[in-house]
C-alpha cells in the first residue's frame, strides 16, 4: 500500500512538473491545435511614418489549421482578397492578381505567407525560426504577448513582429510587422470565433 501511494505521489509530482515547465509558446500552440479553425472580422492598418500616410482596410477572414488554408476578403475595396491554399499565396488588388508559390523561402512574400499562417496557428517558434529571430514572451491577465526580433537586422523587410493572443481561447488578436524602413502593418481580429464549423467552399474563388 505504501509503495503504491509513493508511486502515485511521484507520478503526480512529475505530471505537475511538466505542466509548470510548459512554455508560453508551447501553451499557445496547444490551444490553437485544439481550436483548429477561426472566423473573424479583421482590420489591416498600414502606416508609413516618414510619408505621414496611413491606410486602413477591413474585411473577414476564415482560417483552418488542417491544410493550412486562409482567406482574407476585403469589404473595401470589395472583391480584393488574400488567399493561401496548397502552399500558394494569391493576392488580388483591383484588376491585378498575383500568385506567390514560395519557392524562395527567404523572399518577403514567402515570409509574409508563413508568418500569417503560423501566427493564426499559434506557432510562435516557427515564426522566429523563419525570421532568424529571438522570442520574448510575456503574459497579462487576459493576453499572451510575443515580441519576435531578428538577431541581425536587415536593411529591407521585416525586422520585428509582435503578436497578441487571447488567454482564454488562444485566438490571435493582433499581429504587427515592423519593417526596416520604419513602416509597419497591423492585422487585428475582432471577436474571433474558434468554435464555428464552416465548409471548405469558403476557400474557393468564384
C-alpha atoms as a PDB file:
ATOM      1  CA  UNK A   1       0.000   0.000   0.000  1.00  0.00           C
ATOM      2  CA  UNK A   2       2.815   2.426   0.939  1.00  0.00           C
ATOM      3  CA  UNK A   3       4.691   1.514  -2.264  1.00  0.00           C
ATOM      4  CA  UNK A   4       1.589   2.215  -4.401  1.00  0.00           C
ATOM      5  CA  UNK A   5       0.997   5.518  -2.606  1.00  0.00           C
ATOM      6  CA  UNK A   6       4.627   6.524  -3.183  1.00  0.00           C
ATOM      7  CA  UNK A   7       4.366   5.678  -6.898  1.00  0.00           C
ATOM      8  CA  UNK A   8       1.148   7.685  -7.247  1.00  0.00           C
ATOM      9  CA  UNK A   9       2.679  10.678  -5.477  1.00  0.00           C
ATOM     10  CA  UNK A  10       5.782  10.532  -7.678  1.00  0.00           C
ATOM     11  CA  UNK A  11       3.623  10.393 -10.807  1.00  0.00           C
ATOM     12  CA  UNK A  12       1.652  13.447  -9.676  1.00  0.00           C
ATOM     13  CA  UNK A  13       4.862  15.374  -8.988  1.00  0.00           C
ATOM     14  CA  UNK A  14       6.230  14.522 -12.448  1.00  0.00           C
ATOM     15  CA  UNK A  15       2.946  15.494 -14.151  1.00  0.00           C
ATOM     16  CA  UNK A  16       2.839  18.773 -12.237  1.00  0.00           C
ATOM     17  CA  UNK A  17       6.437  19.490 -13.210  1.00  0.00           C
ATOM     18  CA  UNK A  18       5.604  19.060 -16.906  1.00  0.00           C
ATOM     19  CA  UNK A  19       2.649  21.436 -16.595  1.00  0.00           C
ATOM     20  CA  UNK A  20       4.753  24.077 -14.851  1.00  0.00           C
ATOM     21  CA  UNK A  21       7.567  23.676 -17.377  1.00  0.00           C
ATOM     22  CA  UNK A  22       5.344  24.299 -20.432  1.00  0.00           C
ATOM     23  CA  UNK A  23       6.471  27.492 -22.128  1.00  0.00           C
ATOM     24  CA  UNK A  24       4.081  30.249 -23.197  1.00  0.00           C
ATOM     25  CA  UNK A  25       4.899  29.414 -26.827  1.00  0.00           C
ATOM     26  CA  UNK A  26       4.013  25.747 -26.348  1.00  0.00           C
ATOM     27  CA  UNK A  27       0.827  26.625 -24.483  1.00  0.00           C
ATOM     28  CA  UNK A  28      -0.463  28.971 -27.209  1.00  0.00           C
ATOM     29  CA  UNK A  29       0.348  26.391 -29.894  1.00  0.00           C
ATOM     30  CA  UNK A  30      -1.524  23.700 -27.974  1.00  0.00           C
ATOM     31  CA  UNK A  31      -4.593  25.941 -27.584  1.00  0.00           C
ATOM     32  CA  UNK A  32      -4.692  26.641 -31.314  1.00  0.00           C
ATOM     33  CA  UNK A  33      -4.221  22.989 -32.248  1.00  0.00           C
ATOM     34  CA  UNK A  34      -7.307  22.335 -30.168  1.00  0.00           C
ATOM     35  CA  UNK A  35      -9.226  25.129 -31.933  1.00  0.00           C
ATOM     36  CA  UNK A  36      -8.467  24.005 -35.476  1.00  0.00           C
ATOM     37  CA  UNK A  37     -10.081  26.992 -37.189  1.00  0.00           C
ATOM     38  CA  UNK A  38     -11.083  30.648 -36.883  1.00  0.00           C
ATOM     39  CA  UNK A  39     -13.595  33.098 -38.309  1.00  0.00           C
ATOM     40  CA  UNK A  40     -13.197  36.799 -37.599  1.00  0.00           C
ATOM     41  CA  UNK A  41     -13.706  40.290 -38.894  1.00  0.00           C
ATOM     42  CA  UNK A  42     -10.352  41.992 -39.151  1.00  0.00           C
ATOM     43  CA  UNK A  43      -8.706  45.355 -39.673  1.00  0.00           C
ATOM     44  CA  UNK A  44      -5.490  45.813 -41.646  1.00  0.00           C
ATOM     45  CA  UNK A  45      -3.682  49.062 -40.869  1.00  0.00           C
ATOM     46  CA  UNK A  46      -0.603  50.133 -42.854  1.00  0.00           C
ATOM     47  CA  UNK A  47       1.411  53.068 -41.553  1.00  0.00           C
ATOM     48  CA  UNK A  48       4.267  54.903 -43.292  1.00  0.00           C
ATOM     49  CA  UNK A  49       5.515  57.427 -40.686  1.00  0.00           C
ATOM     50  CA  UNK A  50       8.036  59.164 -42.953  1.00  0.00           C
ATOM     51  CA  UNK A  51       5.341  59.898 -45.540  1.00  0.00           C
ATOM     52  CA  UNK A  52       2.751  60.574 -42.826  1.00  0.00           C
ATOM     53  CA  UNK A  53       0.454  58.105 -44.559  1.00  0.00           C
ATOM     54  CA  UNK A  54      -1.986  55.651 -43.010  1.00  0.00           C
ATOM     55  CA  UNK A  55      -4.263  53.165 -44.796  1.00  0.00           C
ATOM     56  CA  UNK A  56      -6.996  51.184 -43.046  1.00  0.00           C
ATOM     57  CA  UNK A  57      -8.837  48.264 -44.655  1.00  0.00           C
ATOM     58  CA  UNK A  58     -11.424  45.923 -43.185  1.00  0.00           C
ATOM     59  CA  UNK A  59     -12.749  42.506 -44.068  1.00  0.00           C
ATOM     60  CA  UNK A  60     -13.495  38.956 -42.925  1.00  0.00           C
ATOM     61  CA  UNK A  61     -11.072  36.041 -42.602  1.00  0.00           C
ATOM     62  CA  UNK A  62     -11.514  32.288 -42.463  1.00  0.00           C
ATOM     63  CA  UNK A  63      -8.665  30.040 -41.373  1.00  0.00           C
ATOM     64  CA  UNK A  64      -8.226  26.278 -40.986  1.00  0.00           C
ATOM     65  CA  UNK A  65      -5.247  24.577 -39.386  1.00  0.00           C
ATOM     66  CA  UNK A  66      -5.842  21.456 -41.472  1.00  0.00           C
ATOM     67  CA  UNK A  67      -4.264  22.050 -44.847  1.00  0.00           C
ATOM     68  CA  UNK A  68      -3.030  25.487 -43.728  1.00  0.00           C
ATOM     69  CA  UNK A  69      -5.690  27.472 -45.562  1.00  0.00           C
ATOM     70  CA  UNK A  70      -6.524  31.148 -45.145  1.00  0.00           C
ATOM     71  CA  UNK A  71      -8.801  33.547 -46.998  1.00  0.00           C
ATOM     72  CA  UNK A  72      -8.931  37.248 -46.155  1.00  0.00           C
ATOM     73  CA  UNK A  73     -11.711  39.008 -48.065  1.00  0.00           C
ATOM     74  CA  UNK A  74     -11.756  42.805 -48.055  1.00  0.00           C
ATOM     75  CA  UNK A  75     -15.049  44.609 -47.609  1.00  0.00           C
ATOM     76  CA  UNK A  76     -13.472  47.692 -49.188  1.00  0.00           C
ATOM     77  CA  UNK A  77     -12.267  47.524 -51.906  1.00  0.00           C
ATOM     78  CA  UNK A  78     -14.853  44.783 -52.363  1.00  0.00           C
ATOM     79  CA  UNK A  79     -13.567  41.862 -54.404  1.00  0.00           C
ATOM     80  CA  UNK A  80      -9.968  42.147 -53.218  1.00  0.00           C
ATOM     81  CA  UNK A  81      -8.600  39.211 -51.240  1.00  0.00           C
ATOM     82  CA  UNK A  82      -5.573  37.320 -49.984  1.00  0.00           C
ATOM     83  CA  UNK A  83      -5.826  33.534 -50.310  1.00  0.00           C
ATOM     84  CA  UNK A  84      -3.325  30.979 -49.014  1.00  0.00           C
ATOM     85  CA  UNK A  85      -4.064  27.473 -50.220  1.00  0.00           C
ATOM     86  CA  UNK A  86      -1.964  24.468 -51.271  1.00  0.00           C
ATOM     87  CA  UNK A  87       1.200  26.400 -50.377  1.00  0.00           C
ATOM     88  CA  UNK A  88       0.415  29.255 -52.776  1.00  0.00           C
ATOM     89  CA  UNK A  89      -0.500  32.808 -51.763  1.00  0.00           C
ATOM     90  CA  UNK A  90      -2.773  34.624 -54.195  1.00  0.00           C
ATOM     91  CA  UNK A  91      -3.251  38.369 -53.783  1.00  0.00           C
ATOM     92  CA  UNK A  92      -5.934  40.256 -55.720  1.00  0.00           C
ATOM     93  CA  UNK A  93      -5.913  44.057 -55.768  1.00  0.00           C
ATOM     94  CA  UNK A  94      -8.325  45.668 -58.163  1.00  0.00           C
ATOM     95  CA  UNK A  95      -7.830  44.149 -61.604  1.00  0.00           C
ATOM     96  CA  UNK A  96      -4.408  42.681 -60.752  1.00  0.00           C
ATOM     97  CA  UNK A  97      -3.914  39.169 -59.359  1.00  0.00           C
ATOM     98  CA  UNK A  98      -0.520  37.824 -58.267  1.00  0.00           C
ATOM     99  CA  UNK A  99       0.491  34.339 -57.170  1.00  0.00           C
ATOM    100  CA  UNK A 100       3.456  33.587 -54.900  1.00  0.00           C
ATOM    101  CA  UNK A 101       4.484  29.936 -54.716  1.00  0.00           C
ATOM    102  CA  UNK A 102       7.113  30.416 -52.021  1.00  0.00           C
ATOM    103  CA  UNK A 103       9.961  28.666 -53.828  1.00  0.00           C
ATOM    104  CA  UNK A 104      12.373  31.185 -52.273  1.00  0.00           C
ATOM    105  CA  UNK A 105      11.983  30.669 -48.532  1.00  0.00           C
ATOM    106  CA  UNK A 106      13.743  33.959 -47.731  1.00  0.00           C
ATOM    107  CA  UNK A 107      11.642  36.179 -50.016  1.00  0.00           C
ATOM    108  CA  UNK A 108       9.488  38.800 -48.312  1.00  0.00           C
ATOM    109  CA  UNK A 109       6.230  37.352 -49.681  1.00  0.00           C
ATOM    110  CA  UNK A 110       7.127  33.842 -48.518  1.00  0.00           C
ATOM    111  CA  UNK A 111       7.952  35.166 -45.066  1.00  0.00           C
ATOM    112  CA  UNK A 112       4.652  37.086 -45.005  1.00  0.00           C
ATOM    113  CA  UNK A 113       2.697  33.995 -46.064  1.00  0.00           C
ATOM    114  CA  UNK A 114       4.354  31.828 -43.425  1.00  0.00           C
ATOM    115  CA  UNK A 115       4.045  34.500 -40.740  1.00  0.00           C
ATOM    116  CA  UNK A 116       0.293  34.857 -41.327  1.00  0.00           C
ATOM    117  CA  UNK A 117      -0.279  31.092 -41.238  1.00  0.00           C
ATOM    118  CA  UNK A 118       1.959  30.463 -38.232  1.00  0.00           C
ATOM    119  CA  UNK A 119       0.502  33.408 -36.320  1.00  0.00           C
ATOM    120  CA  UNK A 120      -3.005  32.006 -36.744  1.00  0.00           C
ATOM    121  CA  UNK A 121      -1.735  28.529 -35.813  1.00  0.00           C
ATOM    122  CA  UNK A 122      -0.124  29.945 -32.685  1.00  0.00           C
ATOM    123  CA  UNK A 123       3.240  28.639 -33.861  1.00  0.00           C
ATOM    124  CA  UNK A 124       5.429  31.433 -32.495  1.00  0.00           C
ATOM    125  CA  UNK A 125       8.602  29.341 -32.586  1.00  0.00           C
ATOM    126  CA  UNK A 126       8.179  28.703 -36.326  1.00  0.00           C
ATOM    127  CA  UNK A 127       7.906  32.449 -36.985  1.00  0.00           C
ATOM    128  CA  UNK A 128      11.091  33.063 -35.019  1.00  0.00           C
ATOM    129  CA  UNK A 129      12.899  30.292 -36.894  1.00  0.00           C
ATOM    130  CA  UNK A 130      11.826  31.607 -40.323  1.00  0.00           C
ATOM    131  CA  UNK A 131      12.970  35.118 -39.424  1.00  0.00           C
ATOM    132  CA  UNK A 132      16.162  34.015 -37.639  1.00  0.00           C
ATOM    133  CA  UNK A 133      14.885  35.832 -34.577  1.00  0.00           C
ATOM    134  CA  UNK A 134      14.646  35.680 -30.797  1.00  0.00           C
ATOM    135  CA  UNK A 135      11.398  35.499 -28.810  1.00  0.00           C
ATOM    136  CA  UNK A 136      10.354  37.460 -25.735  1.00  0.00           C
ATOM    137  CA  UNK A 137       7.094  36.181 -24.261  1.00  0.00           C
ATOM    138  CA  UNK A 138       5.034  37.812 -21.509  1.00  0.00           C
ATOM    139  CA  UNK A 139       1.500  37.493 -20.178  1.00  0.00           C
ATOM    140  CA  UNK A 140      -1.128  39.720 -18.593  1.00  0.00           C
ATOM    141  CA  UNK A 141      -4.447  38.802 -17.032  1.00  0.00           C
ATOM    142  CA  UNK A 142      -6.108  38.402 -20.440  1.00  0.00           C
ATOM    143  CA  UNK A 143      -3.352  38.296 -23.099  1.00  0.00           C
ATOM    144  CA  UNK A 144      -0.200  36.483 -24.168  1.00  0.00           C
ATOM    145  CA  UNK A 145       2.311  38.766 -25.898  1.00  0.00           C
ATOM    146  CA  UNK A 146       5.297  37.750 -28.006  1.00  0.00           C
ATOM    147  CA  UNK A 147       7.901  40.085 -29.446  1.00  0.00           C
ATOM    148  CA  UNK A 148       9.974  38.430 -32.175  1.00  0.00           C
ATOM    149  CA  UNK A 149      13.118  40.343 -33.124  1.00  0.00           C
ATOM    150  CA  UNK A 150      15.652  39.467 -35.810  1.00  0.00           C
ATOM    151  CA  UNK A 151      19.045  38.689 -34.307  1.00  0.00           C
ATOM    152  CA  UNK A 152      20.696  40.536 -37.202  1.00  0.00           C
ATOM    153  CA  UNK A 153      18.714  43.496 -38.531  1.00  0.00           C
ATOM    154  CA  UNK A 154      18.233  43.646 -42.277  1.00  0.00           C
ATOM    155  CA  UNK A 155      18.118  46.801 -44.402  1.00  0.00           C
ATOM    156  CA  UNK A 156      14.910  45.703 -46.108  1.00  0.00           C
ATOM    157  CA  UNK A 157      11.907  43.693 -44.993  1.00  0.00           C
ATOM    158  CA  UNK A 158      10.504  42.847 -41.568  1.00  0.00           C
ATOM    159  CA  UNK A 159      12.824  43.093 -38.566  1.00  0.00           C
ATOM    160  CA  UNK A 160      10.286  42.714 -35.759  1.00  0.00           C
ATOM    161  CA  UNK A 161       6.906  41.058 -35.187  1.00  0.00           C
ATOM    162  CA  UNK A 162       4.593  41.496 -32.206  1.00  0.00           C
ATOM    163  CA  UNK A 163       1.762  39.034 -31.551  1.00  0.00           C
ATOM    164  CA  UNK A 164      -1.107  39.166 -29.059  1.00  0.00           C
ATOM    165  CA  UNK A 165      -3.245  36.132 -28.217  1.00  0.00           C
ATOM    166  CA  UNK A 166      -6.413  35.826 -26.178  1.00  0.00           C
ATOM    167  CA  UNK A 167      -5.577  33.991 -22.981  1.00  0.00           C
ATOM    168  CA  UNK A 168      -8.891  32.152 -22.724  1.00  0.00           C
ATOM    169  CA  UNK A 169      -9.109  30.790 -26.277  1.00  0.00           C
ATOM    170  CA  UNK A 170      -5.586  31.173 -27.681  1.00  0.00           C
ATOM    171  CA  UNK A 171      -7.016  33.072 -30.667  1.00  0.00           C
ATOM    172  CA  UNK A 172      -4.835  35.618 -32.448  1.00  0.00           C
ATOM    173  CA  UNK A 173      -5.848  39.166 -31.521  1.00  0.00           C
ATOM    174  CA  UNK A 174      -3.126  41.173 -33.223  1.00  0.00           C
ATOM    175  CA  UNK A 175      -0.104  40.758 -35.487  1.00  0.00           C
ATOM    176  CA  UNK A 176       2.232  43.722 -36.056  1.00  0.00           C
ATOM    177  CA  UNK A 177       5.019  43.585 -38.639  1.00  0.00           C
ATOM    178  CA  UNK A 178       7.657  46.320 -38.412  1.00  0.00           C
ATOM    179  CA  UNK A 179       9.913  46.934 -41.412  1.00  0.00           C
ATOM    180  CA  UNK A 180      13.478  48.204 -41.552  1.00  0.00           C
ATOM    181  CA  UNK A 181      12.356  51.476 -43.177  1.00  0.00           C
ATOM    182  CA  UNK A 182      10.045  52.311 -40.273  1.00  0.00           C
ATOM    183  CA  UNK A 183       6.795  51.286 -41.979  1.00  0.00           C
ATOM    184  CA  UNK A 184       4.554  48.821 -40.175  1.00  0.00           C
ATOM    185  CA  UNK A 185       1.385  46.803 -40.732  1.00  0.00           C
ATOM    186  CA  UNK A 186      -1.049  45.673 -38.043  1.00  0.00           C
ATOM    187  CA  UNK A 187      -3.641  42.928 -38.512  1.00  0.00           C
ATOM    188  CA  UNK A 188      -6.277  42.958 -35.756  1.00  0.00           C
ATOM    189  CA  UNK A 189      -9.121  40.459 -35.368  1.00  0.00           C
ATOM    190  CA  UNK A 190     -12.494  41.349 -33.868  1.00  0.00           C
ATOM    191  CA  UNK A 191     -14.117  38.801 -31.553  1.00  0.00           C
ATOM    192  CA  UNK A 192     -12.523  35.769 -33.259  1.00  0.00           C
ATOM    193  CA  UNK A 193     -14.732  32.674 -33.357  1.00  0.00           C
ATOM    194  CA  UNK A 194     -12.808  29.423 -32.875  1.00  0.00           C
ATOM    195  CA  UNK A 195     -15.828  27.140 -32.452  1.00  0.00           C
ATOM    196  CA  UNK A 196     -17.980  27.517 -35.565  1.00  0.00           C
ATOM    197  CA  UNK A 197     -17.501  24.775 -38.167  1.00  0.00           C
ATOM    198  CA  UNK A 198     -17.539  26.045 -41.772  1.00  0.00           C
ATOM    199  CA  UNK A 199     -17.425  24.406 -45.193  1.00  0.00           C
ATOM    200  CA  UNK A 200     -14.214  24.314 -47.258  1.00  0.00           C
ATOM    201  CA  UNK A 201     -16.033  26.018 -50.119  1.00  0.00           C
ATOM    202  CA  UNK A 202     -15.186  29.319 -48.431  1.00  0.00           C
ATOM    203  CA  UNK A 203     -11.673  28.930 -49.843  1.00  0.00           C
ATOM    204  CA  UNK A 204     -12.955  28.710 -53.419  1.00  0.00           C
ATOM    205  CA  UNK A 205     -12.766  31.844 -55.570  1.00  0.00           C
ATOM    206  CA  UNK A 206     -15.711  32.298 -57.914  1.00  0.00           C
END
